[in-house]
Amino acid sequence: MQPTRSEEALREQYPPLTDHEALVEAHRCLYCYDAPCTQACPTHIDIPKFIKKIATGNLLGSARTILEANLMGATCARVCPVEELCEGACVLGAEHRPIMIGRLQRYATDYVYERGIDVFKPGPPTGKRVAVIGAGPAGLTCAGELAKLGHRVTVYEKRELPNGLSTYGIIGLREPVEVALAEAEMVRRLGVEIKTQMELGRNLAWDEVRNSHDAVFLAVGLGAVPKLGIPGEERMVDGLGYIEASKLNPRALQVGREVVVVGAGNTAIDCATIAKRFGAERVTIVYRRTEREMTAYPHEYEFAKKEGIEFRFLTQPVEVLLEAERVVGLRCVRMQLGAPDASGRPAPEPVADSAFVIPCDQVVKAIGQEKPAIAQMLGLATEGGFIKVNQDYETSLPGVYAGGDCIRARGSASTVMAVQDGKLAAFAIHRRLVQQIGMAAD
């Protein structure tokens, strides 16, 4: 069957390496003793070790090295900002081309997934039960690591499908849905029970969760896209919903002829890319600060420009213009930068009498997400609206841990950081649980 136009538009950005390409690339690695690439990886994958195993034809061993450090290694091979992390630290990058670490990682992890190889097995039962709220990368990692250590884990997920933003919120050209779901199935085969369409406060009672488990890990991510509070906002399209539709129901996705995307993070770049690749004639990203303050990665910004996406900096939307309930434009004002605000970035200030209109027939809103509402629901201590945790990822409620985007009060949220949170929280939970039964924590 021929791929549809939408499937073709969001085909994975990079093809898989051939066996020959992987071998040639692996043999270029210098296998540095101090391995700056490993230091730059938030999950500290032993990168020289897994590349060496590719070079010697031991692909199962290579995948094991990756997945021991990062259970979501197939996802991170595709979505990690490798230009800023491992490949950015490669010593060959200074004068030569850095090793394609991300694509080699994908080569090794694809090997085990395509062959249905289970790298890990459940540990001997400890008799302890742990609940995980949220089946995104942090939650699945925590659940999988705990299952490897012998604990009985149940994951409660409010959506129909597991793996959070990896499934719903990352553009398909970077990560297809099938990759995200395969990782969830791998965790399920470790003995983890994943219950979907179960939401705390709706059809899942907190007292029931707390009383029937020995520990709880919260990996709830963040909330909805916040409101701008401008006239006509109800006709704006939710950016995360836009990405979700492009992955799960692309034929039903409505894309305008002239699209404006509000925001300048990686989600905004993804939305603009979707609009462009689904046929929009003109796509413009509007941002109230300058390119220096953008939260999108520099390589994503360069990618967007190559896609033909335009940028309007120092521009603040003030009204979505409608005619007969149809979007016909976005009224904006020009901004200038003032003194730093609470975020430490220069605060945008409107320039008097500077209003202008950008003609468009669709406006997509991608301005971040609201803070986790669960903190207030459970009475948890917070920091800047995010759940506050100690060095062991334990919240202000004893026995209740948290990780992933919902605790990211500092630094940028990313899949690989969420994975590291889930892994370290699992080890902390394990230490606490084995103390209770007099076991040694290996």
Foldseek 3Di string as FASTA:
>chain_A
DDDDLLCVLQAAPDDADDLVRLLVLLVVAPLDPVQQLLVQFPLSQSQNVLSVCSNVVNLLVSLLSQCVSFLLQLLCLQFPPCCRGNQVRAPCVVPHHGRSSSSSSNNSNCVCLVVVHQSAAFDAAPPFEEEEEAQALLRLLLLQLLRNNHYAYEYEAQAPAGHPCLQQPDASNRHANVSSRSSSVSSVNNVYHYHYNGDDPPNDDPVVNVVVGQFYEYAPAFAFFDDPPAAPSVQAAELSNLRRCSRPPVVPRDAWQAEEEEAQALSSLSNQSSNLSVHHNAYEYEELADPVPGNHDPVSVVVSVVSVHHYDYQKAFHYQDDDPSWTFWTKIFGWDFDAADPVRGTDTDGDPPGIDIDTIGHYYYDHDGHAHPVCVVVVWDADPSAFDADPLQATPDPRYGYFFNSRCPDDDGDSSRSSSNSNSNSLSSVVVVCVVVVDDRD
